[in-house]
Amino acid sequence: MTASAVGVIGFEPLDLDRHLELLHAWVTHPRSVYWEMQDASLDDVRTEYAAIAANPHHEAVLGAVDGAPAFLVERYDPAHSELADHLVHADGWVGMHVLVAPLADGASPAPGFTDAVFAAVMAWLFEDPEVTRVVVEPDARNEAIRAKNVAAGFAELHEIELSTKTAMLSTCSREAFAASRLGAGLGGAHALV
C-alpha cells in the first residue's frame, strides 16, 4: 500500500465474479478508446480477463484509492507477448498496462490523481527486487499516456507495428524512475507503508 496526497493506494487481484461489471464499464468507456474494447460485451470482457488469469505470464490487478476501485493494472512478461519480436528482452523486464477509471459524466480526476496512481503502480512493480526495467507500448497517437510515461522516466525507443496498433515502444529502468518527476517525489507526496 502507498500513502499519497490523494489517499491510500492499494492493489488486489482482479476477481471477475465481483468486478466484471465495473471492469466492463471502464474498458468500454469513450475515454478508454486506446484500451481497444469499446464494443466489448460483458462476455467479451469476461473471456479476455479469464484468459489473462489463466496465463502464467500475464496478470490483471485492481487498484483502489482509500478502498474504492480506481484503476486497473496489467503486468506481463514481454518475452511471452507480441513484444518478443520487437525487443531484445532481458531477465527482470516486466510489461505494464494501466487504466485509470473514467469518472461519471466525463468529470476529470482530482489534480495529481493520475500522477499519484501512476507513481504508485511503478513503485509497486519495482517492489519486486528482480524487476529491473518496465516496458510499455502505448498507441503512438495517445499523447496523454506517452507524456505520463516520460514523466515517470520512460525513454521512448521507436514506433513498432503490433497486431492492433502502431505503438511507441518505451522502457524505464529502476534508476530512471527514481530520478523522474513522478519517481523522485512519488507523485508529490508518496511514501511506501
Foldseek 3Di string as FASTA:
>chain_A
DKQFPQADKDKDFDDCVPCLVVVLCQCLDPVNVQSVCVPPDSVRSVVVQVVQVVDPFKGKMFMDGNPHTFKIKMKGDCCPDQCVVVDPDDWQEIEMDMGTGQDPPRDDDDPLPVLLVVLVVVVVSVVPVRHFKYKYWTAPPPVVVVVSCVQQQKDFDAWDDDPPHTTGIIMHGPVSRCPGNCNVCVSPPIDDD
